[in-house]
């Protein structure tokens, strides 16, 4: 089953514009699997919720104050294969980055948003980050073309958040 992921007018997708696991569960149900990893020298956690049936991955990170048990902030972003900018127009993996950028430019014009991005590139890959959309496009270089490799859509991070415990996270899995 494929699900349609639509970019919100402000941040996020499918009506989810903040870190809310009740909204995520309402929209996408329970994840197929959860992967939890910890940074080597810190307590920071990276949690990946994988929804294999709808081709979605949600990355949730919890950051702690240095040498403390207190959470400083949390972030969340969606990793999708195809992102609808409106009812008809979308960007998708394996698309030429120039085509994706043209579509995002049109989206920005229609929604009175600035088409401003940060650009990074190295020998094999690169990225375009649109802070005003909380959208990042990653590309790989293949021959002379730049091909869209990943689409990340974020929601605003939260300082001093109420966060999920490991037990709550593991209970989310089917």
Protein backbone atom coordinates (compact mmCIF):
# COMPACT_ATOMS: atom_id res chain seq x y z
CA UNK A 1 0.00 0.00 0.00
CA UNK A 2 1.42 3.37 -1.00
CA UNK A 3 0.49 6.48 0.93
CA UNK A 4 0.50 10.01 -0.41
CA UNK A 5 2.82 12.32 1.57
CA UNK A 6 1.87 15.99 1.14
CA UNK A 7 4.04 18.93 2.23
CA UNK A 8 2.23 21.18 4.74
CA UNK A 9 2.03 24.92 4.11
CA UNK A 10 4.17 25.54 7.22
CA UNK A 11 6.26 22.51 8.30
CA UNK A 12 5.92 18.75 8.16
CA UNK A 13 3.67 16.48 6.13
CA UNK A 14 0.07 15.23 6.11
CA UNK A 15 -1.08 17.75 8.73
CA UNK A 16 1.69 16.88 11.21
CA UNK A 17 3.59 20.09 11.95
CA UNK A 18 5.06 19.40 15.39
CA UNK A 19 6.51 16.47 17.32
CA UNK A 20 3.35 14.60 18.26
CA UNK A 21 3.37 10.83 18.40
CA UNK A 22 -0.40 10.69 18.84
CA UNK A 23 -0.77 12.54 15.49
CA UNK A 24 1.82 10.29 13.87
CA UNK A 25 0.04 7.17 15.09
CA UNK A 26 -3.32 8.55 13.93
CA UNK A 27 -1.93 9.28 10.44
CA UNK A 28 0.38 6.32 9.91
CA UNK A 29 -0.61 3.71 12.59
CA UNK A 30 2.16 1.70 14.25
CA UNK A 31 5.64 1.30 12.77
CA UNK A 32 6.78 -2.05 11.38
CA UNK A 33 10.04 -1.79 13.30
CA UNK A 34 12.07 0.51 15.53
CA UNK A 35 15.86 0.92 15.57
CA UNK A 36 17.47 2.65 18.54
CA UNK A 37 21.10 3.76 18.60
CA UNK A 38 23.14 5.83 21.02
CA UNK A 39 26.03 8.19 20.36
CA UNK A 40 29.27 6.72 21.72
CA UNK A 41 30.24 9.24 24.39
CA UNK A 42 26.88 10.90 24.96
CA UNK A 43 23.42 9.86 26.07
CA UNK A 44 21.88 11.22 22.87
CA UNK A 45 19.52 8.75 21.21
CA UNK A 46 18.61 8.25 17.57
CA UNK A 47 15.38 6.36 16.97
CA UNK A 48 14.18 5.24 13.54
CA UNK A 49 10.56 4.26 13.09
CA UNK A 50 10.17 2.22 9.90
CA UNK A 51 6.84 1.86 8.13
CA UNK A 52 7.60 -0.70 5.44
CA UNK A 53 4.01 -0.95 4.20
CA UNK A 54 3.88 2.76 3.26
CA UNK A 55 7.59 3.42 2.45
CA UNK A 56 8.15 5.88 5.29
CA UNK A 57 10.91 6.30 7.85
CA UNK A 58 10.62 8.71 10.77
CA UNK A 59 13.83 9.77 12.50
CA UNK A 60 13.44 10.96 16.08
CA UNK A 61 16.46 12.24 18.01
CA UNK A 62 16.71 13.05 21.71
CA UNK A 63 19.65 15.26 22.80
CA UNK A 64 20.78 15.53 26.42
CA UNK A 65 22.66 18.30 28.17
CA UNK A 66 26.34 17.39 28.43
CA UNK A 67 27.01 15.23 31.53
CA UNK A 68 23.36 15.35 32.55
CA UNK A 69 20.23 13.19 32.59
CA UNK A 70 18.12 16.15 31.50
CA UNK A 71 16.91 16.32 27.89
CA UNK A 72 17.93 19.54 26.12
CA UNK A 73 15.89 19.18 22.92
CA UNK A 74 14.38 16.74 20.45
CA UNK A 75 14.08 16.66 16.65
CA UNK A 76 11.97 14.71 14.19
CA UNK A 77 12.03 14.38 10.42
CA UNK A 78 10.28 12.26 7.82
CA UNK A 79 12.22 10.38 5.14
CA UNK A 80 9.97 9.78 2.10
CA UNK A 81 10.40 8.44 -1.43
CA UNK A 82 7.82 10.75 -3.02
CA UNK A 83 6.64 14.14 -1.72
CA UNK A 84 3.59 15.92 -3.12
CA UNK A 85 3.93 19.69 -3.20
CA UNK A 86 0.26 20.05 -4.17
CA UNK A 87 -2.46 17.75 -5.55
CA UNK A 88 -0.66 17.08 -8.84
CA UNK A 89 2.99 18.06 -8.56
CA UNK A 90 5.54 15.97 -6.67
CA UNK A 91 9.23 15.25 -6.34
CA UNK A 92 10.54 11.70 -6.04
CA UNK A 93 13.73 9.73 -5.58
CA UNK A 94 15.87 9.13 -8.70
CA UNK A 95 14.61 12.40 -10.24
CA UNK A 96 17.12 14.89 -11.67
CA UNK A 97 17.78 17.51 -8.97
CA UNK A 98 17.20 20.36 -11.47
CA UNK A 99 13.65 19.16 -12.07
CA UNK A 100 12.98 18.88 -8.32
CA UNK A 101 14.37 22.40 -7.74
CA UNK A 102 12.14 23.84 -10.48
CA UNK A 103 9.08 22.28 -8.83
CA UNK A 104 10.05 23.62 -5.40
CA UNK A 105 10.60 27.07 -6.92
CA UNK A 106 7.04 26.99 -8.36
CA UNK A 107 5.71 25.80 -5.00
CA UNK A 108 7.44 28.71 -3.23
CA UNK A 109 6.08 31.25 -5.73
CA UNK A 110 2.51 29.94 -5.41
CA UNK A 111 2.69 29.95 -1.60
CA UNK A 112 4.47 33.33 -1.21
CA UNK A 113 7.61 31.76 0.24
CA UNK A 114 11.19 32.69 -0.48
CA UNK A 115 13.15 30.26 -2.66
CA UNK A 116 16.23 30.34 -0.44
CA UNK A 117 18.44 27.35 0.24
CA UNK A 118 21.83 26.30 1.57
CA UNK A 119 23.87 24.28 -0.89
CA UNK A 120 26.61 21.78 -0.10
CA UNK A 121 28.49 19.60 -2.53
CA UNK A 122 31.49 17.30 -2.55
CA UNK A 123 32.96 14.94 -5.13
CA UNK A 124 30.16 12.34 -4.97
CA UNK A 125 27.08 13.97 -3.44
CA UNK A 126 25.46 17.09 -2.07
CA UNK A 127 22.36 18.65 -0.58
CA UNK A 128 19.94 21.55 -0.79
CA UNK A 129 18.44 22.68 2.53
CA UNK A 130 15.36 24.92 2.55
CA UNK A 131 15.11 26.22 6.14
CA UNK A 132 11.81 28.03 5.50
CA UNK A 133 10.22 24.71 4.45
CA UNK A 134 12.26 22.50 6.82
CA UNK A 135 13.05 20.43 3.73
CA UNK A 136 16.37 18.89 2.70
CA UNK A 137 17.09 17.22 -0.64
CA UNK A 138 20.15 14.98 -0.90
CA UNK A 139 21.61 14.04 -4.27
CA UNK A 140 24.24 11.71 -5.69
CA UNK A 141 26.33 12.50 -8.72
CA UNK A 142 25.94 9.93 -11.47
CA UNK A 143 28.03 10.65 -14.53
CA UNK A 144 27.19 14.30 -15.24
CA UNK A 145 23.77 14.26 -13.57
CA UNK A 146 22.74 15.00 -9.98
CA UNK A 147 20.06 12.52 -8.93
CA UNK A 148 17.73 12.97 -5.94
CA UNK A 149 18.75 10.36 -3.37
CA UNK A 150 16.78 11.32 -0.22
CA UNK A 151 13.97 13.68 0.81
CA UNK A 152 13.82 14.79 4.46
CA UNK A 153 10.95 16.89 5.83
CA UNK A 154 11.33 18.16 9.37
CA UNK A 155 9.17 19.70 12.02
CA UNK A 156 10.48 22.39 14.41
CA UNK A 157 12.70 21.05 17.18
CA UNK A 158 11.52 21.42 20.79
CA UNK A 159 13.57 22.72 23.73
CA UNK A 160 13.05 21.06 27.16
CA UNK A 161 10.53 18.64 25.67
CA UNK A 162 8.28 15.97 27.08
CA UNK A 163 9.83 12.99 25.36
CA UNK A 164 9.03 9.31 24.99
CA UNK A 165 10.73 6.74 27.18
CA UNK A 166 12.37 3.69 25.60
CA UNK A 167 9.51 1.58 26.95
CA UNK A 168 6.91 3.84 25.25
CA UNK A 169 8.87 3.70 22.00
CA UNK A 170 9.09 -0.10 22.00
CA UNK A 171 5.36 -0.38 22.78
CA UNK A 172 4.59 1.52 19.53
CA UNK A 173 5.70 -1.39 17.32
CA UNK A 174 3.05 -3.76 15.92
